[in-house]
Amino acid sequence: MSEQQDALEDLESSGVLAALAWANASAYRRTMEDYDPDTGHDQGWVGSTAHRLFVDRLHRAFSTGRHRVDSPESASAGLDLVAAGLAPGEHRKMPLITPGVVVWSDLNQSPGWRCGDWRFLLTSFVYGESNRIPWPQKSSTKQRVASQGKPVGWLDPQPTLFDNDPDSLVAAIQALREEEEEPNATTLIIAHSIERELNIRELYLGRSRLNRGGGDAWYWKHDLLATSLGTPAMEPIPASPGPRPGLPSIQDAPVRLRRQSSEGGGEHQASGENDK
């Protein structure tokens, strides 16, 4: 079985793939509702805002960050805190994942989570350019991830230029050190984008490839918005299920005791994809 098959089966069975799709849809829905070019919002604002909200939604789904709980038994408590800030009914669509199945695992303060043998970080990219993401121009963290050892059995038709490229050698050495810090963990990338005029999204999970000098940006990638038949789909922004929470005449969702908020502020900061 290939690495791609292993990763997809593990992350699908644990609910991670469903959580990624839910969190991405929720983050971009709210971002595009608030988007106002007359106010001065631009593509940079859209990307940064959606990235931060994507992190927030994943914290909710994985019970990490400010939504961390002390034990799986307390996961059902505090639905008011999980639902706060979401569109009415949106939290009911959130996949239910037992706390502890997915844990916080940032890399150099770049937001990340780990599930079993797989760690995944977030990145944004220019819509339509997923196969040409220039990892050598990204942050040192993303370069380190793209410099991991090749997947087992991979035959690279585009050999890397490590022999003549000191910067690539440095990135490879850093990646090897990181592998030692996270034994048996392979770091994947969740890449997201939007075409803001048409409100259509892209969302991929894959193993990035350091493509210095050009070439494919991935060893493999999977379209998380593909149809059930596996056909890549341009996913529109889902319509809000109703007015935003807090507006007049809106009945609040049933609530229970709040989850505990027990972490510091540093772990859930996301200042945008290029910062880390």
C-alpha atoms as a PDB file:
ATOM      1  CA  MET A   1       0.000   0.000   0.000  1.00  0.00           C
ATOM      2  CA  SER A   2       1.294   3.467  -0.869  1.00  0.00           C
ATOM      3  CA  GLU A   3       1.922   6.258   1.601  1.00  0.00           C
ATOM      4  CA  GLN A   4      -0.990   8.171   0.096  1.00  0.00           C
ATOM      5  CA  GLN A   5      -3.374   5.276   0.649  1.00  0.00           C
ATOM      6  CA  ASP A   6      -2.131   4.813   4.211  1.00  0.00           C
ATOM      7  CA  ALA A   7      -2.574   8.485   5.047  1.00  0.00           C
ATOM      8  CA  LEU A   8      -6.029   8.787   3.503  1.00  0.00           C
ATOM      9  CA  GLU A   9      -7.326   5.626   5.178  1.00  0.00           C
ATOM     10  CA  ASP A  10      -5.957   6.600   8.600  1.00  0.00           C
ATOM     11  CA  LEU A  11      -7.207  10.178   8.463  1.00  0.00           C
ATOM     12  CA  GLU A  12     -10.584   9.261   7.016  1.00  0.00           C
ATOM     13  CA  SER A  13     -11.282   6.556   9.617  1.00  0.00           C
ATOM     14  CA  SER A  14     -10.394   8.966  12.442  1.00  0.00           C
ATOM     15  CA  GLY A  15     -12.693  11.694  11.094  1.00  0.00           C
ATOM     16  CA  VAL A  16      -9.873  14.090  10.233  1.00  0.00           C
ATOM     17  CA  LEU A  17     -10.739  14.419   6.537  1.00  0.00           C
ATOM     18  CA  ALA A  18     -14.359  15.257   7.345  1.00  0.00           C
ATOM     19  CA  ALA A  19     -13.222  17.784   9.960  1.00  0.00           C
ATOM     20  CA  LEU A  20     -10.900  19.463   7.458  1.00  0.00           C
ATOM     21  CA  ALA A  21     -13.718  19.833   4.925  1.00  0.00           C
ATOM     22  CA  TRP A  22     -16.126  21.182   7.556  1.00  0.00           C
ATOM     23  CA  ALA A  23     -13.616  23.630   9.033  1.00  0.00           C
ATOM     24  CA  ASN A  24     -12.572  24.951   5.633  1.00  0.00           C
ATOM     25  CA  ALA A  25     -16.170  25.523   4.508  1.00  0.00           C
ATOM     26  CA  SER A  26     -17.031  27.287   7.774  1.00  0.00           C
ATOM     27  CA  ALA A  27     -13.925  29.485   7.692  1.00  0.00           C
ATOM     28  CA  TYR A  28     -14.427  30.661   4.121  1.00  0.00           C
ATOM     29  CA  ARG A  29     -18.159  31.161   4.546  1.00  0.00           C
ATOM     30  CA  ARG A  30     -17.609  33.611   7.379  1.00  0.00           C
ATOM     31  CA  THR A  31     -14.669  35.252   5.633  1.00  0.00           C
ATOM     32  CA  MET A  32     -16.642  35.947   2.478  1.00  0.00           C
ATOM     33  CA  GLU A  33     -19.647  37.176   4.451  1.00  0.00           C
ATOM     34  CA  ASP A  34     -17.398  39.787   6.056  1.00  0.00           C
ATOM     35  CA  TYR A  35     -15.445  40.597   2.881  1.00  0.00           C
ATOM     36  CA  ASP A  36     -16.039  44.186   1.773  1.00  0.00           C
ATOM     37  CA  PRO A  37     -13.733  45.662  -0.874  1.00  0.00           C
ATOM     38  CA  ASP A  38     -15.209  49.112  -0.253  1.00  0.00           C
ATOM     39  CA  THR A  39     -13.800  48.912   3.276  1.00  0.00           C
ATOM     40  CA  GLY A  40     -10.362  48.159   1.891  1.00  0.00           C
ATOM     41  CA  HIS A  41     -10.389  44.380   2.096  1.00  0.00           C
ATOM     42  CA  ASP A  42      -8.215  42.715  -0.537  1.00  0.00           C
ATOM     43  CA  GLN A  43      -6.899  39.244  -1.377  1.00  0.00           C
ATOM     44  CA  GLY A  44      -4.379  39.489   1.443  1.00  0.00           C
ATOM     45  CA  TRP A  45      -7.172  40.160   3.934  1.00  0.00           C
ATOM     46  CA  VAL A  46      -9.190  37.232   2.586  1.00  0.00           C
ATOM     47  CA  GLY A  47      -6.242  34.848   2.813  1.00  0.00           C
ATOM     48  CA  SER A  48      -5.167  35.913   6.294  1.00  0.00           C
ATOM     49  CA  THR A  49      -8.689  35.945   7.716  1.00  0.00           C
ATOM     50  CA  ALA A  50      -9.655  32.581   6.248  1.00  0.00           C
ATOM     51  CA  HIS A  51      -6.395  31.065   7.501  1.00  0.00           C
ATOM     52  CA  ARG A  52      -7.028  32.240  11.066  1.00  0.00           C
ATOM     53  CA  LEU A  53     -10.624  31.037  11.010  1.00  0.00           C
ATOM     54  CA  PHE A  54      -9.538  27.682   9.543  1.00  0.00           C
ATOM     55  CA  VAL A  55      -7.243  27.218  12.547  1.00  0.00           C
ATOM     56  CA  ASP A  56     -10.047  28.224  14.924  1.00  0.00           C
ATOM     57  CA  ARG A  57     -12.515  25.743  13.399  1.00  0.00           C
ATOM     58  CA  LEU A  58     -10.009  22.913  13.589  1.00  0.00           C
ATOM     59  CA  HIS A  59      -9.404  23.671  17.269  1.00  0.00           C
ATOM     60  CA  ARG A  60     -13.156  23.250  17.794  1.00  0.00           C
ATOM     61  CA  ALA A  61     -13.329  19.972  15.887  1.00  0.00           C
ATOM     62  CA  PHE A  62     -10.210  18.481  17.496  1.00  0.00           C
ATOM     63  CA  SER A  63     -10.804  19.808  21.042  1.00  0.00           C
ATOM     64  CA  THR A  64      -7.469  21.602  21.023  1.00  0.00           C
ATOM     65  CA  GLY A  65      -6.413  25.191  21.646  1.00  0.00           C
ATOM     66  CA  ARG A  66      -8.930  27.116  23.700  1.00  0.00           C
ATOM     67  CA  HIS A  67     -11.377  24.241  23.180  1.00  0.00           C
ATOM     68  CA  ARG A  68      -9.137  21.687  24.854  1.00  0.00           C
ATOM     69  CA  VAL A  69     -10.796  19.461  27.430  1.00  0.00           C
ATOM     70  CA  ASP A  70      -9.279  17.468  30.263  1.00  0.00           C
ATOM     71  CA  SER A  71     -10.685  14.083  29.277  1.00  0.00           C
ATOM     72  CA  PRO A  72     -12.821  12.430  26.592  1.00  0.00           C
ATOM     73  CA  GLU A  73     -15.613  12.137  29.138  1.00  0.00           C
ATOM     74  CA  SER A  74     -15.949  15.917  29.275  1.00  0.00           C
ATOM     75  CA  ALA A  75     -16.134  16.333  25.497  1.00  0.00           C
ATOM     76  CA  SER A  76     -19.927  16.481  25.397  1.00  0.00           C
ATOM     77  CA  ALA A  77     -19.994  19.385  27.830  1.00  0.00           C
ATOM     78  CA  GLY A  78     -19.776  22.980  26.764  1.00  0.00           C
ATOM     79  CA  LEU A  79     -21.441  22.928  23.358  1.00  0.00           C
ATOM     80  CA  ASP A  80     -22.214  26.625  23.847  1.00  0.00           C
ATOM     81  CA  LEU A  81     -18.498  27.447  23.682  1.00  0.00           C
ATOM     82  CA  VAL A  82     -17.976  25.251  20.622  1.00  0.00           C
ATOM     83  CA  ALA A  83     -20.953  26.838  18.849  1.00  0.00           C
ATOM     84  CA  ALA A  84     -20.133  30.440  19.766  1.00  0.00           C
ATOM     85  CA  GLY A  85     -19.365  32.538  16.689  1.00  0.00           C
ATOM     86  CA  LEU A  86     -20.610  29.938  14.202  1.00  0.00           C
ATOM     87  CA  ALA A  87     -23.659  30.328  11.995  1.00  0.00           C
ATOM     88  CA  PRO A  88     -26.823  28.858  13.557  1.00  0.00           C
ATOM     89  CA  GLY A  89     -26.834  25.087  13.184  1.00  0.00           C
ATOM     90  CA  GLU A  90     -23.317  24.999  11.789  1.00  0.00           C
ATOM     91  CA  HIS A  91     -21.839  23.341  14.866  1.00  0.00           C
ATOM     92  CA  ARG A  92     -24.275  20.440  14.445  1.00  0.00           C
ATOM     93  CA  LYS A  93     -22.551  19.579  11.178  1.00  0.00           C
ATOM     94  CA  MET A  94     -19.142  19.441  12.841  1.00  0.00           C
ATOM     95  CA  PRO A  95     -17.705  15.891  12.856  1.00  0.00           C
ATOM     96  CA  LEU A  96     -17.484  14.406  16.340  1.00  0.00           C
ATOM     97  CA  ILE A  97     -13.914  13.375  17.144  1.00  0.00           C
ATOM     98  CA  THR A  98     -12.925  11.973  20.522  1.00  0.00           C
ATOM     99  CA  PRO A  99     -10.539  14.378  22.297  1.00  0.00           C
ATOM    100  CA  GLY A 100      -6.993  13.075  22.199  1.00  0.00           C
ATOM    101  CA  VAL A 101      -7.337  11.355  18.825  1.00  0.00           C
ATOM    102  CA  VAL A 102      -5.908  14.513  17.239  1.00  0.00           C
ATOM    103  CA  VAL A 103      -3.408  16.572  19.251  1.00  0.00           C
ATOM    104  CA  TRP A 104      -1.789  19.970  18.788  1.00  0.00           C
ATOM    105  CA  SER A 105       1.620  19.597  17.089  1.00  0.00           C
ATOM    106  CA  ASP A 106       2.840  22.919  15.727  1.00  0.00           C
ATOM    107  CA  LEU A 107       6.157  23.261  13.937  1.00  0.00           C
ATOM    108  CA  ASN A 108       8.151  26.430  14.599  1.00  0.00           C
ATOM    109  CA  GLN A 109       4.843  28.062  15.649  1.00  0.00           C
ATOM    110  CA  SER A 110       3.226  27.104  12.335  1.00  0.00           C
ATOM    111  CA  PRO A 111      -0.234  25.725  13.254  1.00  0.00           C
ATOM    112  CA  GLY A 112      -0.309  21.948  13.069  1.00  0.00           C
ATOM    113  CA  TRP A 113      -1.933  18.831  14.478  1.00  0.00           C
ATOM    114  CA  ARG A 114      -0.976  15.180  14.740  1.00  0.00           C
ATOM    115  CA  CYS A 115      -3.118  12.072  14.336  1.00  0.00           C
ATOM    116  CA  GLY A 116      -1.227   8.826  14.750  1.00  0.00           C
ATOM    117  CA  ASP A 117       1.709   8.766  12.358  1.00  0.00           C
ATOM    118  CA  TRP A 118       0.607  11.885  10.487  1.00  0.00           C
ATOM    119  CA  ARG A 119       1.189  15.530  11.314  1.00  0.00           C
ATOM    120  CA  PHE A 120      -0.367  18.187   9.096  1.00  0.00           C
ATOM    121  CA  LEU A 121       0.245  21.917   8.709  1.00  0.00           C
ATOM    122  CA  LEU A 122      -1.817  24.546   6.882  1.00  0.00           C
ATOM    123  CA  THR A 123      -0.775  26.695   3.941  1.00  0.00           C
ATOM    124  CA  SER A 124      -2.577  28.956   1.486  1.00  0.00           C
ATOM    125  CA  PHE A 125      -1.751  29.304  -2.198  1.00  0.00           C
ATOM    126  CA  VAL A 126      -2.772  31.213  -5.309  1.00  0.00           C
ATOM    127  CA  TYR A 127      -5.997  29.773  -6.688  1.00  0.00           C
ATOM    128  CA  GLY A 128      -5.372  27.394  -9.593  1.00  0.00           C
ATOM    129  CA  GLU A 129      -1.652  27.127  -8.876  1.00  0.00           C
ATOM    130  CA  SER A 130      -1.572  24.165  -6.493  1.00  0.00           C
ATOM    131  CA  ASN A 131       0.811  22.121  -8.637  1.00  0.00           C
ATOM    132  CA  ARG A 132       3.274  24.992  -8.862  1.00  0.00           C
ATOM    133  CA  ILE A 133       3.483  26.167  -5.254  1.00  0.00           C
ATOM    134  CA  PRO A 134       7.090  27.450  -4.964  1.00  0.00           C
ATOM    135  CA  TRP A 135       8.140  25.841  -1.678  1.00  0.00           C
ATOM    136  CA  PRO A 136      11.691  27.264  -1.838  1.00  0.00           C
ATOM    137  CA  GLN A 137      10.102  30.739  -1.708  1.00  0.00           C
ATOM    138  CA  LYS A 138       7.970  29.865   1.307  1.00  0.00           C
ATOM    139  CA  SER A 139       8.976  30.070   4.950  1.00  0.00           C
ATOM    140  CA  SER A 140      11.838  27.998   6.322  1.00  0.00           C
ATOM    141  CA  THR A 141       9.260  25.805   8.052  1.00  0.00           C
ATOM    142  CA  LYS A 142       7.500  24.923   4.793  1.00  0.00           C
ATOM    143  CA  GLN A 143      10.885  24.315   3.154  1.00  0.00           C
ATOM    144  CA  ARG A 144      11.774  21.899   5.944  1.00  0.00           C
ATOM    145  CA  VAL A 145       8.548  19.978   5.442  1.00  0.00           C
ATOM    146  CA  ALA A 146       9.096  19.781   1.685  1.00  0.00           C
ATOM    147  CA  SER A 147      12.614  18.458   2.359  1.00  0.00           C
ATOM    148  CA  GLN A 148      11.513  15.333   4.226  1.00  0.00           C
ATOM    149  CA  GLY A 149      12.711  11.999   2.935  1.00  0.00           C
ATOM    150  CA  LYS A 150      10.886  10.748  -0.147  1.00  0.00           C
ATOM    151  CA  PRO A 151       7.922   8.383   0.311  1.00  0.00           C
ATOM    152  CA  VAL A 152       8.945   4.728   0.353  1.00  0.00           C
ATOM    153  CA  GLY A 153       9.241   3.376  -3.174  1.00  0.00           C
ATOM    154  CA  TRP A 154       9.164   6.806  -4.787  1.00  0.00           C
ATOM    155  CA  LEU A 155      10.993   7.027  -8.112  1.00  0.00           C
ATOM    156  CA  ASP A 156      11.605  10.713  -8.738  1.00  0.00           C
ATOM    157  CA  PRO A 157      11.481  11.653 -12.433  1.00  0.00           C
ATOM    158  CA  GLN A 158      12.715  15.132 -11.464  1.00  0.00           C
ATOM    159  CA  PRO A 159      15.840  14.716  -9.306  1.00  0.00           C
ATOM    160  CA  THR A 160      16.435  17.445  -6.774  1.00  0.00           C
ATOM    161  CA  LEU A 161      19.508  19.656  -6.959  1.00  0.00           C
ATOM    162  CA  PHE A 162      20.853  19.088  -3.442  1.00  0.00           C
ATOM    163  CA  ASP A 163      24.351  18.312  -4.736  1.00  0.00           C
ATOM    164  CA  ASN A 164      24.785  21.819  -6.096  1.00  0.00           C
ATOM    165  CA  ASP A 165      22.449  23.783  -3.849  1.00  0.00           C
ATOM    166  CA  PRO A 166      23.673  24.643  -0.327  1.00  0.00           C
ATOM    167  CA  ASP A 167      20.285  26.087   0.667  1.00  0.00           C
ATOM    168  CA  SER A 168      18.547  22.835  -0.226  1.00  0.00           C
ATOM    169  CA  LEU A 169      21.108  20.867   1.754  1.00  0.00           C
ATOM    170  CA  VAL A 170      20.464  23.049   4.790  1.00  0.00           C
ATOM    171  CA  ALA A 171      16.698  22.527   4.458  1.00  0.00           C
ATOM    172  CA  ALA A 172      17.189  18.761   4.153  1.00  0.00           C
ATOM    173  CA  ILE A 173      19.372  18.646   7.274  1.00  0.00           C
ATOM    174  CA  GLN A 174      16.787  20.654   9.216  1.00  0.00           C
ATOM    175  CA  ALA A 175      14.054  18.273   8.056  1.00  0.00           C
ATOM    176  CA  LEU A 176      16.054  15.257   9.235  1.00  0.00           C
ATOM    177  CA  ARG A 177      16.500  16.874  12.637  1.00  0.00           C
ATOM    178  CA  GLU A 178      12.775  17.508  12.816  1.00  0.00           C
ATOM    179  CA  GLU A 179      12.082  13.843  11.991  1.00  0.00           C
ATOM    180  CA  GLU A 180      14.252  12.915  14.969  1.00  0.00           C
ATOM    181  CA  GLU A 181      12.162  15.219  17.183  1.00  0.00           C
ATOM    182  CA  GLU A 182       8.922  13.635  15.907  1.00  0.00           C
ATOM    183  CA  PRO A 183       9.765   9.921  15.503  1.00  0.00           C
ATOM    184  CA  ASN A 184       7.513   7.916  13.198  1.00  0.00           C
ATOM    185  CA  ALA A 185       5.715  11.093  12.088  1.00  0.00           C
ATOM    186  CA  THR A 186       5.318  12.220   8.502  1.00  0.00           C
ATOM    187  CA  THR A 187       4.317  15.847   8.022  1.00  0.00           C
ATOM    188  CA  LEU A 188       1.670  16.554   5.407  1.00  0.00           C
ATOM    189  CA  ILE A 189       0.343  19.848   4.086  1.00  0.00           C
ATOM    190  CA  ILE A 190      -3.259  21.077   3.957  1.00  0.00           C
ATOM    191  CA  ALA A 191      -3.339  23.611   1.118  1.00  0.00           C
ATOM    192  CA  HIS A 192      -6.337  25.913   0.713  1.00  0.00           C
ATOM    193  CA  SER A 193      -7.349  28.686  -1.669  1.00  0.00           C
ATOM    194  CA  ILE A 194     -10.298  30.655  -3.032  1.00  0.00           C
ATOM    195  CA  GLU A 195     -11.261  32.509  -6.188  1.00  0.00           C
ATOM    196  CA  ARG A 196     -12.983  35.388  -4.459  1.00  0.00           C
ATOM    197  CA  GLU A 197     -14.927  36.759  -7.443  1.00  0.00           C
ATOM    198  CA  LEU A 198     -16.619  33.394  -8.063  1.00  0.00           C
ATOM    199  CA  ASN A 199     -16.519  32.223  -4.432  1.00  0.00           C
ATOM    200  CA  ILE A 200     -15.090  28.811  -5.286  1.00  0.00           C
ATOM    201  CA  ARG A 201     -12.537  26.993  -3.162  1.00  0.00           C
ATOM    202  CA  GLU A 202      -9.718  24.498  -3.460  1.00  0.00           C
ATOM    203  CA  LEU A 203      -8.578  22.228  -0.624  1.00  0.00           C
ATOM    204  CA  TYR A 204      -5.857  19.592  -0.855  1.00  0.00           C
ATOM    205  CA  LEU A 205      -4.035  17.192   1.444  1.00  0.00           C
ATOM    206  CA  GLY A 206      -0.630  16.024   0.283  1.00  0.00           C
ATOM    207  CA  ARG A 207       3.082  15.470   0.712  1.00  0.00           C
ATOM    208  CA  SER A 208       4.966  18.537  -0.465  1.00  0.00           C
ATOM    209  CA  ARG A 209       8.100  18.238  -2.594  1.00  0.00           C
ATOM    210  CA  LEU A 210      10.917  20.792  -2.564  1.00  0.00           C
ATOM    211  CA  ASN A 211      10.709  21.962  -6.176  1.00  0.00           C
ATOM    212  CA  ARG A 212      13.736  24.214  -6.382  1.00  0.00           C
ATOM    213  CA  GLY A 213      14.216  25.080 -10.050  1.00  0.00           C
ATOM    214  CA  GLY A 214      10.548  24.434 -10.801  1.00  0.00           C
ATOM    215  CA  GLY A 215       8.666  21.185 -11.235  1.00  0.00           C
ATOM    216  CA  ASP A 216       5.799  19.531  -9.438  1.00  0.00           C
ATOM    217  CA  ALA A 217       5.138  20.775  -5.899  1.00  0.00           C
ATOM    218  CA  TRP A 218       3.915  17.402  -4.609  1.00  0.00           C
ATOM    219  CA  TYR A 219       4.918  13.791  -4.296  1.00  0.00           C
ATOM    220  CA  TRP A 220       1.192  13.191  -4.055  1.00  0.00           C
ATOM    221  CA  LYS A 221      -1.915  15.212  -3.232  1.00  0.00           C
ATOM    222  CA  HIS A 222      -5.595  14.473  -2.702  1.00  0.00           C
ATOM    223  CA  ASP A 223      -8.515  16.765  -3.511  1.00  0.00           C
ATOM    224  CA  LEU A 224     -10.583  17.024  -0.323  1.00  0.00           C
ATOM    225  CA  LEU A 225     -13.436  18.633  -2.258  1.00  0.00           C
ATOM    226  CA  ALA A 226     -13.645  15.916  -4.917  1.00  0.00           C
ATOM    227  CA  THR A 227     -16.995  14.351  -5.719  1.00  0.00           C
ATOM    228  CA  SER A 228     -17.845  10.832  -4.602  1.00  0.00           C
ATOM    229  CA  LEU A 229     -16.676   9.606  -8.016  1.00  0.00           C
ATOM    230  CA  GLY A 230     -13.262  11.145  -7.478  1.00  0.00           C
ATOM    231  CA  THR A 231     -13.762  13.965  -9.959  1.00  0.00           C
ATOM    232  CA  PRO A 232     -12.085  17.199  -8.848  1.00  0.00           C
ATOM    233  CA  ALA A 233     -14.712  19.764  -7.989  1.00  0.00           C
ATOM    234  CA  MET A 234     -14.646  23.545  -7.683  1.00  0.00           C
ATOM    235  CA  GLU A 235     -16.466  23.949  -4.395  1.00  0.00           C
ATOM    236  CA  PRO A 236     -18.646  27.055  -3.963  1.00  0.00           C
ATOM    237  CA  ILE A 237     -18.886  28.770  -0.614  1.00  0.00           C
ATOM    238  CA  PRO A 238     -21.822  27.145   1.221  1.00  0.00           C
ATOM    239  CA  ALA A 239     -24.709  29.470   1.963  1.00  0.00           C
ATOM    240  CA  SER A 240     -25.108  30.433   5.581  1.00  0.00           C
ATOM    241  CA  PRO A 241     -27.794  28.274   7.230  1.00  0.00           C
ATOM    242  CA  GLY A 242     -29.293  31.379   8.801  1.00  0.00           C
ATOM    243  CA  PRO A 243     -28.595  34.797  10.267  1.00  0.00           C
ATOM    244  CA  ARG A 244     -25.475  35.136  12.382  1.00  0.00           C
ATOM    245  CA  PRO A 245     -25.678  34.390  16.087  1.00  0.00           C
ATOM    246  CA  GLY A 246     -26.640  37.372  18.183  1.00  0.00           C
ATOM    247  CA  LEU A 247     -28.980  39.050  15.711  1.00  0.00           C
ATOM    248  CA  PRO A 248     -32.526  39.901  16.883  1.00  0.00           C
ATOM    249  CA  SER A 249     -35.241  37.207  16.834  1.00  0.00           C
ATOM    250  CA  ILE A 250     -32.712  34.362  16.634  1.00  0.00           C
ATOM    251  CA  GLN A 251     -33.296  31.585  19.140  1.00  0.00           C
ATOM    252  CA  ASP A 252     -30.093  30.300  20.700  1.00  0.00           C
ATOM    253  CA  ALA A 253     -29.157  26.652  20.258  1.00  0.00           C
ATOM    254  CA  PRO A 254     -29.562  24.412  23.325  1.00  0.00           C
ATOM    255  CA  VAL A 255     -26.440  24.581  25.451  1.00  0.00           C
ATOM    256  CA  ARG A 256     -24.727  22.638  28.185  1.00  0.00           C
ATOM    257  CA  LEU A 257     -21.857  23.365  30.528  1.00  0.00           C
ATOM    258  CA  ARG A 258     -18.894  25.128  29.003  1.00  0.00           C
ATOM    259  CA  ARG A 259     -15.739  23.297  28.073  1.00  0.00           C
ATOM    260  CA  GLN A 260     -12.703  24.294  30.052  1.00  0.00           C
ATOM    261  CA  SER A 261     -10.403  26.844  28.459  1.00  0.00           C
ATOM    262  CA  SER A 262      -6.979  25.823  29.672  1.00  0.00           C
ATOM    263  CA  GLU A 263      -4.298  26.739  27.253  1.00  0.00           C
ATOM    264  CA  GLY A 264      -2.148  29.799  26.688  1.00  0.00           C
ATOM    265  CA  GLY A 265      -2.603  32.185  23.822  1.00  0.00           C
ATOM    266  CA  GLY A 266       0.532  31.310  21.908  1.00  0.00           C
ATOM    267  CA  GLU A 267      -0.483  27.913  20.552  1.00  0.00           C
ATOM    268  CA  HIS A 268      -3.451  29.031  18.478  1.00  0.00           C
ATOM    269  CA  GLN A 269      -2.059  32.125  16.872  1.00  0.00           C
ATOM    270  CA  ALA A 270      -2.012  32.039  13.082  1.00  0.00           C
ATOM    271  CA  SER A 271      -0.675  35.136  11.451  1.00  0.00           C
ATOM    272  CA  GLY A 272      -1.012  33.916   7.925  1.00  0.00           C
ATOM    273  CA  GLU A 273       0.592  31.220   5.852  1.00  0.00           C
ATOM    274  CA  ASN A 274       3.766  33.092   4.939  1.00  0.00           C
ATOM    275  CA  ASP A 275       4.671  33.997   8.509  1.00  0.00           C
ATOM    276  CA  LYS A 276       5.794  30.544   9.605  1.00  0.00           C
END
